[in-house]
Amino acid sequence: IIIAHRLSTIRYENTIFVLSNRERSDNNNNNNNNKINNEGSYIIEQGTHDSLLKNKNGIYHLMINNQKISSNKSSNNGNDNGS
């Protein structure tokens, strides 16, 4: 088991599980949809890196894109002076 915040760490693993500590919003449309689950986390997505990226609306896809954007901004800091 590997727990990672930097997603490049898990890119080549056989199975990736995306966890959330909130209830799935597709259960019921009542006030309890977004309550914190005190018993643990939910698996909301699972698959390989490539299969998870195919779901353009998925959390994994969003996290990968956010890390790419963040990484690009970090690598450009201080390099915008034209020298």
C-alpha atoms as a PDB file:
ATOM      1  CA  ILE A   1       0.000   0.000   0.000  1.00  0.00           C
ATOM      2  CA  ILE A   2       1.308   3.411  -0.976  1.00  0.00           C
ATOM      3  CA  ILE A   3      -0.305   6.652   0.148  1.00  0.00           C
ATOM      4  CA  ALA A   4       0.756   9.594  -1.980  1.00  0.00           C
ATOM      5  CA  HIS A   5      -0.015  13.251  -2.424  1.00  0.00           C
ATOM      6  CA  ARG A   6       2.354  13.574  -5.386  1.00  0.00           C
ATOM      7  CA  LEU A   7       0.502  11.511  -7.964  1.00  0.00           C
ATOM      8  CA  SER A   8       3.566  10.809 -10.114  1.00  0.00           C
ATOM      9  CA  THR A   9       4.606   8.470  -7.277  1.00  0.00           C
ATOM     10  CA  ILE A  10       1.757   6.050  -8.038  1.00  0.00           C
ATOM     11  CA  ARG A  11       1.484   6.410 -11.823  1.00  0.00           C
ATOM     12  CA  TYR A  12       2.756   2.884 -12.621  1.00  0.00           C
ATOM     13  CA  GLU A  13       0.977   0.975  -9.842  1.00  0.00           C
ATOM     14  CA  ASN A  14      -1.372  -1.882 -10.811  1.00  0.00           C
ATOM     15  CA  THR A  15      -4.415  -0.403  -9.090  1.00  0.00           C
ATOM     16  CA  ILE A  16      -4.998   3.104  -7.805  1.00  0.00           C
ATOM     17  CA  PHE A  17      -7.758   3.827  -5.300  1.00  0.00           C
ATOM     18  CA  VAL A  18      -9.074   7.371  -4.946  1.00  0.00           C
ATOM     19  CA  LEU A  19     -10.508   7.916  -1.470  1.00  0.00           C
ATOM     20  CA  SER A  20     -12.821  10.540  -0.056  1.00  0.00           C
ATOM     21  CA  ASN A  21     -13.844  11.132   3.537  1.00  0.00           C
ATOM     22  CA  ARG A  22     -17.235  12.420   2.407  1.00  0.00           C
ATOM     23  CA  GLU A  23     -20.260  10.370   1.448  1.00  0.00           C
ATOM     24  CA  ARG A  24     -20.900   9.874  -2.229  1.00  0.00           C
ATOM     25  CA  SER A  25     -23.281  12.520  -3.528  1.00  0.00           C
ATOM     26  CA  ASP A  26     -25.172  10.043  -5.727  1.00  0.00           C
ATOM     27  CA  ASN A  27     -26.737   8.174  -2.770  1.00  0.00           C
ATOM     28  CA  ASN A  28     -29.768  10.317  -1.920  1.00  0.00           C
ATOM     29  CA  ASN A  29     -30.664  13.960  -2.262  1.00  0.00           C
ATOM     30  CA  ASN A  30     -31.062  14.674   1.421  1.00  0.00           C
ATOM     31  CA  ASN A  31     -29.182  16.824   3.910  1.00  0.00           C
ATOM     32  CA  ASN A  32     -26.830  13.991   4.875  1.00  0.00           C
ATOM     33  CA  ASN A  33     -25.110  13.757   1.469  1.00  0.00           C
ATOM     34  CA  ASN A  34     -22.040  15.734   2.468  1.00  0.00           C
ATOM     35  CA  LYS A  35     -21.684  14.837   6.136  1.00  0.00           C
ATOM     36  CA  ILE A  36     -18.299  13.610   7.293  1.00  0.00           C
ATOM     37  CA  ASN A  37     -18.080   9.826   7.559  1.00  0.00           C
ATOM     38  CA  ASN A  38     -16.550   9.172  10.974  1.00  0.00           C
ATOM     39  CA  GLU A  39     -16.033   5.491  10.195  1.00  0.00           C
ATOM     40  CA  GLY A  40     -13.409   5.997   7.461  1.00  0.00           C
ATOM     41  CA  SER A  41     -13.079   6.884   3.824  1.00  0.00           C
ATOM     42  CA  TYR A  42     -14.989   5.827   0.737  1.00  0.00           C
ATOM     43  CA  ILE A  43     -13.376   4.474  -2.431  1.00  0.00           C
ATOM     44  CA  ILE A  44     -14.780   6.783  -5.087  1.00  0.00           C
ATOM     45  CA  GLU A  45     -12.631   5.683  -8.050  1.00  0.00           C
ATOM     46  CA  GLN A  46     -10.284   2.824  -8.815  1.00  0.00           C
ATOM     47  CA  GLY A  47      -8.246   1.645 -11.771  1.00  0.00           C
ATOM     48  CA  THR A  48      -4.935   2.166 -13.518  1.00  0.00           C
ATOM     49  CA  HIS A  49      -3.510   5.618 -14.163  1.00  0.00           C
ATOM     50  CA  ASP A  50      -4.600   5.451 -17.817  1.00  0.00           C
ATOM     51  CA  SER A  51      -8.107   4.166 -17.078  1.00  0.00           C
ATOM     52  CA  LEU A  52      -8.689   6.813 -14.402  1.00  0.00           C
ATOM     53  CA  LEU A  53      -7.557   9.589 -16.761  1.00  0.00           C
ATOM     54  CA  LYS A  54     -10.209   8.534 -19.295  1.00  0.00           C
ATOM     55  CA  ASN A  55     -12.912   9.789 -16.911  1.00  0.00           C
ATOM     56  CA  LYS A  56     -12.669  13.525 -17.666  1.00  0.00           C
ATOM     57  CA  ASN A  57     -15.132  14.277 -14.820  1.00  0.00           C
ATOM     58  CA  GLY A  58     -13.292  12.145 -12.270  1.00  0.00           C
ATOM     59  CA  ILE A  59     -11.478  13.307  -9.163  1.00  0.00           C
ATOM     60  CA  TYR A  60      -8.211  11.624 -10.222  1.00  0.00           C
ATOM     61  CA  HIS A  61      -8.262  13.434 -13.583  1.00  0.00           C
ATOM     62  CA  LEU A  62      -8.887  16.734 -11.781  1.00  0.00           C
ATOM     63  CA  MET A  63      -6.060  16.118  -9.291  1.00  0.00           C
ATOM     64  CA  ILE A  64      -3.594  15.223 -12.067  1.00  0.00           C
ATOM     65  CA  ASN A  65      -4.458  18.405 -13.974  1.00  0.00           C
ATOM     66  CA  ASN A  66      -4.212  20.533 -10.821  1.00  0.00           C
ATOM     67  CA  GLN A  67      -0.756  19.132 -10.066  1.00  0.00           C
ATOM     68  CA  LYS A  68       0.386  19.792 -13.646  1.00  0.00           C
ATOM     69  CA  ILE A  69      -0.803  23.405 -13.438  1.00  0.00           C
ATOM     70  CA  SER A  70       0.796  23.867 -10.015  1.00  0.00           C
ATOM     71  CA  SER A  71       4.053  22.336 -11.231  1.00  0.00           C
ATOM     72  CA  ASN A  72       4.129  24.579 -14.311  1.00  0.00           C
ATOM     73  CA  LYS A  73       3.550  27.691 -12.196  1.00  0.00           C
ATOM     74  CA  SER A  74       6.313  26.669  -9.785  1.00  0.00           C
ATOM     75  CA  SER A  75       8.827  26.041 -12.564  1.00  0.00           C
ATOM     76  CA  ASN A  76       8.063  29.437 -14.145  1.00  0.00           C
ATOM     77  CA  ASN A  77       8.520  31.454 -10.932  1.00  0.00           C
ATOM     78  CA  GLY A  78      11.468  33.780 -11.319  1.00  0.00           C
ATOM     79  CA  ASN A  79      11.873  32.956 -15.002  1.00  0.00           C
ATOM     80  CA  ASP A  80       9.606  35.679 -16.341  1.00  0.00           C
ATOM     81  CA  ASN A  81      12.230  38.418 -16.299  1.00  0.00           C
ATOM     82  CA  GLY A  82      13.241  37.892 -19.921  1.00  0.00           C
ATOM     83  CA  SER A  83      16.902  37.173 -19.178  1.00  0.00           C
END
